[in-house]
All heavy atoms as atom14 arrays in JSON, in Angstrom:
{
  "sequence": "YALAKMPLNGAVPAAIEWTGNLPKKGSKMKLLQTGKYVKWTT",
  "atom14_mask": [
    [1, 1, 1, 1, 1, 1, 1, 1, 1, 1, 1, 1, 0, 0],
    [1, 1, 1, 1, 1, 0, 0, 0, 0, 0, 0, 0, 0, 0],
    [1, 1, 1, 1, 1, 1, 1, 1, 0, 0, 0, 0, 0, 0],
    [1, 1, 1, 1, 1, 0, 0, 0, 0, 0, 0, 0, 0, 0],
    [1, 1, 1, 1, 1, 1, 1, 1, 1, 0, 0, 0, 0, 0],
    [1, 1, 1, 1, 1, 1, 1, 1, 0, 0, 0, 0, 0, 0],
    [1, 1, 1, 1, 1, 1, 1, 0, 0, 0, 0, 0, 0, 0],
    [1, 1, 1, 1, 1, 1, 1, 1, 0, 0, 0, 0, 0, 0],
    [1, 1, 1, 1, 1, 1, 1, 1, 0, 0, 0, 0, 0, 0],
    [1, 1, 1, 1, 0, 0, 0, 0, 0, 0, 0, 0, 0, 0],
    [1, 1, 1, 1, 1, 0, 0, 0, 0, 0, 0, 0, 0, 0],
    [1, 1, 1, 1, 1, 1, 1, 0, 0, 0, 0, 0, 0, 0],
    [1, 1, 1, 1, 1, 1, 1, 0, 0, 0, 0, 0, 0, 0],
    [1, 1, 1, 1, 1, 0, 0, 0, 0, 0, 0, 0, 0, 0],
    [1, 1, 1, 1, 1, 0, 0, 0, 0, 0, 0, 0, 0, 0],
    [1, 1, 1, 1, 1, 1, 1, 1, 0, 0, 0, 0, 0, 0],
    [1, 1, 1, 1, 1, 1, 1, 1, 1, 0, 0, 0, 0, 0],
    [1, 1, 1, 1, 1, 1, 1, 1, 1, 1, 1, 1, 1, 1],
    [1, 1, 1, 1, 1, 1, 1, 0, 0, 0, 0, 0, 0, 0],
    [1, 1, 1, 1, 0, 0, 0, 0, 0, 0, 0, 0, 0, 0],
    [1, 1, 1, 1, 1, 1, 1, 1, 0, 0, 0, 0, 0, 0],
    [1, 1, 1, 1, 1, 1, 1, 1, 0, 0, 0, 0, 0, 0],
    [1, 1, 1, 1, 1, 1, 1, 0, 0, 0, 0, 0, 0, 0],
    [1, 1, 1, 1, 1, 1, 1, 1, 1, 0, 0, 0, 0, 0],
    [1, 1, 1, 1, 1, 1, 1, 1, 1, 0, 0, 0, 0, 0],
    [1, 1, 1, 1, 0, 0, 0, 0, 0, 0, 0, 0, 0, 0],
    [1, 1, 1, 1, 1, 1, 0, 0, 0, 0, 0, 0, 0, 0],
    [1, 1, 1, 1, 1, 1, 1, 1, 1, 0, 0, 0, 0, 0],
    [1, 1, 1, 1, 1, 1, 1, 1, 0, 0, 0, 0, 0, 0],
    [1, 1, 1, 1, 1, 1, 1, 1, 1, 0, 0, 0, 0, 0],
    [1, 1, 1, 1, 1, 1, 1, 1, 0, 0, 0, 0, 0, 0],
    [1, 1, 1, 1, 1, 1, 1, 1, 0, 0, 0, 0, 0, 0],
    [1, 1, 1, 1, 1, 1, 1, 1, 1, 0, 0, 0, 0, 0],
    [1, 1, 1, 1, 1, 1, 1, 0, 0, 0, 0, 0, 0, 0],
    [1, 1, 1, 1, 0, 0, 0, 0, 0, 0, 0, 0, 0, 0],
    [1, 1, 1, 1, 1, 1, 1, 1, 1, 0, 0, 0, 0, 0],
    [1, 1, 1, 1, 1, 1, 1, 1, 1, 1, 1, 1, 0, 0],
    [1, 1, 1, 1, 1, 1, 1, 0, 0, 0, 0, 0, 0, 0],
    [1, 1, 1, 1, 1, 1, 1, 1, 1, 0, 0, 0, 0, 0],
    [1, 1, 1, 1, 1, 1, 1, 1, 1, 1, 1, 1, 1, 1],
    [1, 1, 1, 1, 1, 1, 1, 0, 0, 0, 0, 0, 0, 0],
    [1, 1, 1, 1, 1, 1, 1, 0, 0, 0, 0, 0, 0, 0]
  ],
  "atom14_positions": [
    [[21.19, 9.78, -1.29], [21.67, 11.18, -0.79], [20.48, 12.1, -1.05], [19.91, 12.24, -2.06], [22.82, 11.58, -1.6], [24.12, 10.59, -1.59], [24.12, 9.66, -2.64], [24.92, 10.56, -0.5], [25.23, 8.84, -2.56], [25.96, 9.79, -0.52], [26.01, 8.85, -1.4], [27.16, 7.93, -1.44], [0.0, 0.0, 0.0], [0.0, 0.0, 0.0]],
    [[20.13, 12.66, 0.1], [19.16, 13.7, 0.2], [19.78, 15.05, 0.4], [20.57, 15.16, 1.35], [17.98, 13.42, 1.33], [0.0, 0.0, 0.0], [0.0, 0.0, 0.0], [0.0, 0.0, 0.0], [0.0, 0.0, 0.0], [0.0, 0.0, 0.0], [0.0, 0.0, 0.0], [0.0, 0.0, 0.0], [0.0, 0.0, 0.0], [0.0, 0.0, 0.0]],
    [[19.49, 16.07, -0.39], [20.02, 17.4, -0.21], [18.84, 18.28, -0.05], [17.93, 18.56, -0.84], [20.66, 17.85, -1.46], [21.29, 19.21, -1.52], [22.48, 19.19, -0.5], [21.91, 19.57, -2.91], [0.0, 0.0, 0.0], [0.0, 0.0, 0.0], [0.0, 0.0, 0.0], [0.0, 0.0, 0.0], [0.0, 0.0, 0.0], [0.0, 0.0, 0.0]],
    [[18.7, 18.8, 1.27], [17.62, 19.61, 1.71], [18.09, 20.97, 1.78], [18.91, 21.47, 2.36], [17.11, 19.28, 3.02], [0.0, 0.0, 0.0], [0.0, 0.0, 0.0], [0.0, 0.0, 0.0], [0.0, 0.0, 0.0], [0.0, 0.0, 0.0], [0.0, 0.0, 0.0], [0.0, 0.0, 0.0], [0.0, 0.0, 0.0], [0.0, 0.0, 0.0]],
    [[17.3, 21.87, 0.74], [17.69, 23.23, 0.64], [17.14, 23.99, 1.93], [16.01, 23.85, 2.35], [17.08, 23.72, -0.62], [17.32, 25.25, -0.82], [16.58, 25.69, -2.14], [16.49, 27.19, -2.29], [15.6, 27.57, -3.36], [0.0, 0.0, 0.0], [0.0, 0.0, 0.0], [0.0, 0.0, 0.0], [0.0, 0.0, 0.0], [0.0, 0.0, 0.0]],
    [[17.9, 24.84, 2.54], [17.53, 25.65, 3.79], [16.95, 26.9, 3.27], [17.24, 27.49, 2.26], [18.72, 25.91, 4.68], [19.36, 24.7, 5.3], [18.18, 23.79, 6.37], [17.64, 22.57, 5.36], [0.0, 0.0, 0.0], [0.0, 0.0, 0.0], [0.0, 0.0, 0.0], [0.0, 0.0, 0.0], [0.0, 0.0, 0.0], [0.0, 0.0, 0.0]],
    [[16.16, 27.55, 4.28], [15.52, 28.83, 3.83], [16.58, 29.86, 3.68], [17.43, 30.05, 4.53], [14.47, 29.26, 5.01], [14.68, 28.01, 5.93], [15.68, 27.09, 5.4], [0.0, 0.0, 0.0], [0.0, 0.0, 0.0], [0.0, 0.0, 0.0], [0.0, 0.0, 0.0], [0.0, 0.0, 0.0], [0.0, 0.0, 0.0], [0.0, 0.0, 0.0]],
    [[16.57, 30.81, 2.72], [17.42, 31.88, 2.47], [17.3, 32.85, 3.58], [16.21, 33.36, 3.88], [17.16, 32.59, 1.17], [18.09, 33.66, 0.72], [19.37, 33.11, 0.45], [17.69, 34.23, -0.68], [0.0, 0.0, 0.0], [0.0, 0.0, 0.0], [0.0, 0.0, 0.0], [0.0, 0.0, 0.0], [0.0, 0.0, 0.0], [0.0, 0.0, 0.0]],
    [[18.42, 33.12, 4.29], [18.48, 34.04, 5.44], [17.4, 33.67, 6.49], [16.94, 34.49, 7.26], [18.18, 35.58, 4.91], [19.13, 36.04, 3.87], [20.35, 35.88, 4.14], [18.63, 36.81, 2.95], [0.0, 0.0, 0.0], [0.0, 0.0, 0.0], [0.0, 0.0, 0.0], [0.0, 0.0, 0.0], [0.0, 0.0, 0.0], [0.0, 0.0, 0.0]],
    [[17.23, 32.37, 6.56], [16.33, 31.92, 7.84], [17.01, 30.95, 8.66], [18.19, 30.52, 8.38], [0.0, 0.0, 0.0], [0.0, 0.0, 0.0], [0.0, 0.0, 0.0], [0.0, 0.0, 0.0], [0.0, 0.0, 0.0], [0.0, 0.0, 0.0], [0.0, 0.0, 0.0], [0.0, 0.0, 0.0], [0.0, 0.0, 0.0], [0.0, 0.0, 0.0]],
    [[16.34, 30.55, 9.73], [16.86, 29.69, 10.63], [16.81, 28.23, 10.05], [15.89, 27.97, 9.32], [16.04, 29.69, 11.99], [0.0, 0.0, 0.0], [0.0, 0.0, 0.0], [0.0, 0.0, 0.0], [0.0, 0.0, 0.0], [0.0, 0.0, 0.0], [0.0, 0.0, 0.0], [0.0, 0.0, 0.0], [0.0, 0.0, 0.0], [0.0, 0.0, 0.0]],
    [[17.62, 27.36, 10.47], [17.62, 25.97, 10.15], [16.5, 25.34, 10.95], [16.44, 25.52, 12.05], [18.94, 25.25, 10.47], [18.86, 23.82, 10.29], [20.14, 25.83, 9.68], [0.0, 0.0, 0.0], [0.0, 0.0, 0.0], [0.0, 0.0, 0.0], [0.0, 0.0, 0.0], [0.0, 0.0, 0.0], [0.0, 0.0, 0.0], [0.0, 0.0, 0.0]],
    [[15.57, 24.57, 10.26], [14.42, 24.02, 11.02], [14.95, 22.8, 11.93], [15.96, 22.21, 11.74], [13.6, 23.47, 9.85], [14.48, 23.32, 8.68], [15.57, 24.36, 8.88], [0.0, 0.0, 0.0], [0.0, 0.0, 0.0], [0.0, 0.0, 0.0], [0.0, 0.0, 0.0], [0.0, 0.0, 0.0], [0.0, 0.0, 0.0], [0.0, 0.0, 0.0]],
    [[14.12, 22.59, 12.95], [14.52, 21.43, 13.89], [14.32, 20.08, 13.31], [14.96, 19.22, 13.77], [13.55, 21.56, 15.11], [0.0, 0.0, 0.0], [0.0, 0.0, 0.0], [0.0, 0.0, 0.0], [0.0, 0.0, 0.0], [0.0, 0.0, 0.0], [0.0, 0.0, 0.0], [0.0, 0.0, 0.0], [0.0, 0.0, 0.0], [0.0, 0.0, 0.0]],
    [[13.54, 20.08, 12.09], [13.46, 18.68, 11.54], [13.33, 18.97, 9.97], [12.77, 20.1, 9.59], [12.31, 17.94, 11.93], [0.0, 0.0, 0.0], [0.0, 0.0, 0.0], [0.0, 0.0, 0.0], [0.0, 0.0, 0.0], [0.0, 0.0, 0.0], [0.0, 0.0, 0.0], [0.0, 0.0, 0.0], [0.0, 0.0, 0.0], [0.0, 0.0, 0.0]],
    [[13.73, 18.01, 9.21], [13.63, 18.04, 7.71], [12.71, 16.92, 7.35], [12.75, 15.84, 7.97], [14.98, 17.84, 7.04], [16.07, 18.83, 7.4], [14.8, 17.79, 5.42], [15.78, 20.22, 6.99], [0.0, 0.0, 0.0], [0.0, 0.0, 0.0], [0.0, 0.0, 0.0], [0.0, 0.0, 0.0], [0.0, 0.0, 0.0], [0.0, 0.0, 0.0]],
    [[11.65, 17.26, 6.49], [10.74, 16.25, 6.12], [10.5, 15.93, 4.7], [10.71, 17.03, 3.94], [9.43, 16.53, 6.76], [9.33, 16.47, 8.28], [7.94, 16.72, 8.81], [6.88, 16.14, 8.15], [7.87, 17.3, 9.84], [0.0, 0.0, 0.0], [0.0, 0.0, 0.0], [0.0, 0.0, 0.0], [0.0, 0.0, 0.0], [0.0, 0.0, 0.0]],
    [[10.25, 14.91, 4.16], [10.12, 14.5, 2.74], [9.25, 13.28, 2.59], [9.1, 12.56, 3.56], [11.33, 14.36, 1.97], [12.24, 13.35, 2.27], [12.09, 12.11, 1.89], [13.47, 13.26, 2.99], [13.08, 11.31, 2.41], [13.95, 11.89, 3.06], [14.19, 14.29, 3.65], [15.21, 11.74, 3.66], [15.42, 13.98, 4.3], [15.91, 12.71, 4.2]],
    [[8.58, 13.16, 1.51], [7.79, 11.94, 1.12], [8.5, 11.21, 0.16], [9.07, 11.6, -0.75], [6.39, 12.56, 0.39], [5.87, 13.49, 1.38], [5.52, 11.43, 0.25], [0.0, 0.0, 0.0], [0.0, 0.0, 0.0], [0.0, 0.0, 0.0], [0.0, 0.0, 0.0], [0.0, 0.0, 0.0], [0.0, 0.0, 0.0], [0.0, 0.0, 0.0]],
    [[8.48, 9.79, 0.33], [8.99, 8.84, -0.4], [10.49, 8.71, -0.07], [11.03, 9.26, 0.96], [0.0, 0.0, 0.0], [0.0, 0.0, 0.0], [0.0, 0.0, 0.0], [0.0, 0.0, 0.0], [0.0, 0.0, 0.0], [0.0, 0.0, 0.0], [0.0, 0.0, 0.0], [0.0, 0.0, 0.0], [0.0, 0.0, 0.0], [0.0, 0.0, 0.0]],
    [[11.25, 7.96, -0.98], [12.74, 7.73, -0.82], [13.04, 7.43, 0.64], [13.87, 7.95, 1.27], [13.47, 8.89, -1.31], [13.36, 9.31, -2.71], [13.62, 8.33, -3.49], [13.04, 10.45, -3.04], [0.0, 0.0, 0.0], [0.0, 0.0, 0.0], [0.0, 0.0, 0.0], [0.0, 0.0, 0.0], [0.0, 0.0, 0.0], [0.0, 0.0, 0.0]],
    [[12.25, 6.3, 1.17], [12.31, 5.86, 2.47], [13.73, 5.14, 2.72], [14.22, 4.46, 2.03], [11.36, 4.84, 2.87], [9.79, 5.46, 2.78], [8.78, 4.26, 2.86], [9.6, 6.53, 3.61], [0.0, 0.0, 0.0], [0.0, 0.0, 0.0], [0.0, 0.0, 0.0], [0.0, 0.0, 0.0], [0.0, 0.0, 0.0], [0.0, 0.0, 0.0]],
    [[14.32, 5.48, 3.98], [15.5, 4.63, 4.3], [15.17, 3.3, 4.67], [14.04, 2.92, 5.06], [15.91, 5.44, 5.56], [15.19, 6.6, 5.74], [13.91, 6.56, 4.87], [0.0, 0.0, 0.0], [0.0, 0.0, 0.0], [0.0, 0.0, 0.0], [0.0, 0.0, 0.0], [0.0, 0.0, 0.0], [0.0, 0.0, 0.0], [0.0, 0.0, 0.0]],
    [[16.08, 2.34, 4.6], [15.98, 0.9, 4.91], [15.67, 0.8, 6.4], [16.38, 1.55, 7.16], [17.16, 0.14, 4.47], [17.12, -1.16, 4.65], [18.42, -1.98, 4.32], [18.41, -3.52, 4.46], [19.59, -4.02, 4.05], [0.0, 0.0, 0.0], [0.0, 0.0, 0.0], [0.0, 0.0, 0.0], [0.0, 0.0, 0.0], [0.0, 0.0, 0.0]],
    [[14.71, 0.05, 6.7], [14.27, -0.08, 8.2], [15.55, -0.49, 8.91], [16.34, -1.48, 8.66], [13.14, -1.16, 8.24], [12.71, -1.29, 9.63], [11.49, -2.18, 9.69], [10.89, -2.18, 11.11], [9.75, -2.96, 11.22], [0.0, 0.0, 0.0], [0.0, 0.0, 0.0], [0.0, 0.0, 0.0], [0.0, 0.0, 0.0], [0.0, 0.0, 0.0]],
    [[15.76, 0.21, 10.09], [16.96, -0.03, 10.9], [18.28, 0.48, 10.48], [19.29, 0.32, 11.18], [0.0, 0.0, 0.0], [0.0, 0.0, 0.0], [0.0, 0.0, 0.0], [0.0, 0.0, 0.0], [0.0, 0.0, 0.0], [0.0, 0.0, 0.0], [0.0, 0.0, 0.0], [0.0, 0.0, 0.0], [0.0, 0.0, 0.0], [0.0, 0.0, 0.0]],
    [[18.34, 1.18, 9.28], [19.54, 1.68, 8.82], [19.93, 2.95, 9.53], [19.08, 3.63, 10.17], [19.51, 1.93, 7.29], [18.64, 2.95, 7.02], [0.0, 0.0, 0.0], [0.0, 0.0, 0.0], [0.0, 0.0, 0.0], [0.0, 0.0, 0.0], [0.0, 0.0, 0.0], [0.0, 0.0, 0.0], [0.0, 0.0, 0.0], [0.0, 0.0, 0.0]],
    [[21.18, 3.57, 9.31], [21.56, 4.77, 9.94], [21.61, 5.79, 8.88], [21.86, 5.52, 7.71], [23.02, 4.53, 10.72], [23.02, 3.64, 11.82], [24.27, 3.68, 12.4], [24.37, 2.75, 13.6], [25.63, 2.8, 14.43], [0.0, 0.0, 0.0], [0.0, 0.0, 0.0], [0.0, 0.0, 0.0], [0.0, 0.0, 0.0], [0.0, 0.0, 0.0]],
    [[21.34, 6.97, 9.35], [21.43, 8.22, 8.32], [22.51, 9.1, 8.83], [22.61, 9.48, 10.03], [20.12, 8.81, 8.39], [20.05, 9.92, 7.29], [18.31, 10.77, 7.25], [17.44, 9.44, 6.69], [0.0, 0.0, 0.0], [0.0, 0.0, 0.0], [0.0, 0.0, 0.0], [0.0, 0.0, 0.0], [0.0, 0.0, 0.0], [0.0, 0.0, 0.0]],
    [[23.36, 9.48, 8.0], [24.55, 10.41, 8.28], [24.36, 11.74, 7.66], [23.88, 11.98, 6.53], [25.79, 9.73, 7.62], [27.09, 10.55, 8.12], [28.31, 10.07, 7.4], [28.69, 8.66, 7.54], [29.91, 8.11, 7.0], [0.0, 0.0, 0.0], [0.0, 0.0, 0.0], [0.0, 0.0, 0.0], [0.0, 0.0, 0.0], [0.0, 0.0, 0.0]],
    [[24.55, 12.66, 8.51], [24.52, 14.16, 8.02], [25.96, 14.44, 7.44], [26.9, 14.3, 8.23], [24.24, 15.11, 9.23], [24.34, 16.62, 8.9], [23.41, 17.02, 7.8], [24.23, 17.41, 10.15], [0.0, 0.0, 0.0], [0.0, 0.0, 0.0], [0.0, 0.0, 0.0], [0.0, 0.0, 0.0], [0.0, 0.0, 0.0], [0.0, 0.0, 0.0]],
    [[26.11, 14.6, 6.16], [27.37, 14.69, 5.53], [28.24, 15.8, 5.98], [29.55, 15.69, 5.99], [27.22, 14.63, 3.96], [26.65, 13.3, 3.36], [26.51, 13.34, 2.0], [27.57, 12.1, 3.76], [0.0, 0.0, 0.0], [0.0, 0.0, 0.0], [0.0, 0.0, 0.0], [0.0, 0.0, 0.0], [0.0, 0.0, 0.0], [0.0, 0.0, 0.0]],
    [[27.68, 16.9, 6.42], [28.44, 18.07, 6.84], [29.22, 17.83, 8.12], [30.3, 18.36, 8.22], [27.47, 19.25, 7.15], [27.11, 20.02, 5.9], [25.77, 19.67, 5.24], [25.38, 18.44, 5.48], [25.04, 20.44, 4.55], [0.0, 0.0, 0.0], [0.0, 0.0, 0.0], [0.0, 0.0, 0.0], [0.0, 0.0, 0.0], [0.0, 0.0, 0.0]],
    [[28.68, 16.91, 8.99], [29.48, 16.65, 10.22], [29.94, 15.21, 10.15], [30.83, 14.97, 11.01], [28.44, 16.8, 11.44], [27.46, 15.74, 11.19], [27.86, 18.15, 11.48], [0.0, 0.0, 0.0], [0.0, 0.0, 0.0], [0.0, 0.0, 0.0], [0.0, 0.0, 0.0], [0.0, 0.0, 0.0], [0.0, 0.0, 0.0], [0.0, 0.0, 0.0]],
    [[29.47, 14.33, 9.44], [29.8, 12.94, 9.39], [29.31, 12.12, 10.54], [29.6, 11.02, 10.78], [0.0, 0.0, 0.0], [0.0, 0.0, 0.0], [0.0, 0.0, 0.0], [0.0, 0.0, 0.0], [0.0, 0.0, 0.0], [0.0, 0.0, 0.0], [0.0, 0.0, 0.0], [0.0, 0.0, 0.0], [0.0, 0.0, 0.0], [0.0, 0.0, 0.0]],
    [[28.29, 12.83, 11.28], [27.72, 12.1, 12.32], [26.32, 11.55, 12.09], [25.61, 12.18, 11.13], [27.62, 13.18, 13.62], [28.9, 13.61, 14.06], [28.72, 14.41, 15.42], [30.28, 14.77, 15.67], [30.2, 15.65, 16.93], [0.0, 0.0, 0.0], [0.0, 0.0, 0.0], [0.0, 0.0, 0.0], [0.0, 0.0, 0.0], [0.0, 0.0, 0.0]],
    [[25.82, 10.52, 12.83], [24.55, 10.01, 12.52], [23.45, 10.97, 13.05], [23.68, 11.45, 14.13], [24.37, 8.56, 12.93], [25.32, 7.66, 12.26], [26.57, 7.3, 12.71], [25.01, 7.36, 10.88], [27.42, 6.37, 11.98], [25.97, 6.48, 10.07], [27.04, 6.1, 10.67], [27.98, 5.23, 9.95], [0.0, 0.0, 0.0], [0.0, 0.0, 0.0]],
    [[22.32, 10.99, 12.51], [21.16, 11.72, 13.01], [20.0, 10.75, 13.21], [19.92, 9.75, 12.63], [20.69, 12.83, 11.86], [21.8, 13.85, 11.89], [20.45, 12.3, 10.56], [0.0, 0.0, 0.0], [0.0, 0.0, 0.0], [0.0, 0.0, 0.0], [0.0, 0.0, 0.0], [0.0, 0.0, 0.0], [0.0, 0.0, 0.0], [0.0, 0.0, 0.0]],
    [[19.13, 11.18, 14.05], [17.88, 10.46, 14.29], [16.88, 10.67, 13.12], [16.74, 11.85, 12.69], [17.3, 10.8, 15.65], [18.08, 10.44, 16.84], [17.61, 10.8, 18.13], [18.5, 10.48, 19.29], [17.95, 10.79, 20.55], [0.0, 0.0, 0.0], [0.0, 0.0, 0.0], [0.0, 0.0, 0.0], [0.0, 0.0, 0.0], [0.0, 0.0, 0.0]],
    [[16.15, 9.68, 12.91], [15.03, 9.89, 11.91], [13.93, 8.88, 12.14], [14.09, 7.89, 12.9], [15.56, 9.59, 10.51], [16.22, 8.2, 10.28], [17.4, 7.83, 10.52], [15.55, 7.07, 9.71], [17.54, 6.42, 10.18], [16.4, 6.0, 9.79], [14.11, 6.72, 9.47], [16.06, 4.73, 9.38], [13.86, 5.53, 8.99], [14.78, 4.52, 8.96]],
    [[12.71, 9.2, 11.71], [11.55, 8.38, 11.83], [10.71, 8.32, 10.49], [10.96, 9.16, 9.63], [10.57, 8.85, 12.96], [10.19, 10.2, 12.67], [11.33, 8.96, 14.25], [0.0, 0.0, 0.0], [0.0, 0.0, 0.0], [0.0, 0.0, 0.0], [0.0, 0.0, 0.0], [0.0, 0.0, 0.0], [0.0, 0.0, 0.0], [0.0, 0.0, 0.0]],
    [[9.9, 7.24, 10.45], [8.99, 7.33, 9.08], [7.62, 7.25, 9.75], [7.34, 6.66, 10.66], [9.23, 6.14, 8.27], [9.31, 4.97, 8.85], [10.76, 6.29, 7.63], [0.0, 0.0, 0.0], [0.0, 0.0, 0.0], [0.0, 0.0, 0.0], [0.0, 0.0, 0.0], [0.0, 0.0, 0.0], [0.0, 0.0, 0.0], [0.0, 0.0, 0.0]]
  ]
}
C-alpha cells in the first residue's frame, strides 16, 4: 500500500512518482479512494 501525501492547498498532480517498492510486472494497481484501477509504468 502506497500513501502519497498531496500538497497542502495545492492541485493534485497528474502523476505520482516514487523510487523502489516496485509493483509486480503485469499486476494491476488500485486507487483505494475510488476502487478503480489506475495506469502505471516503471
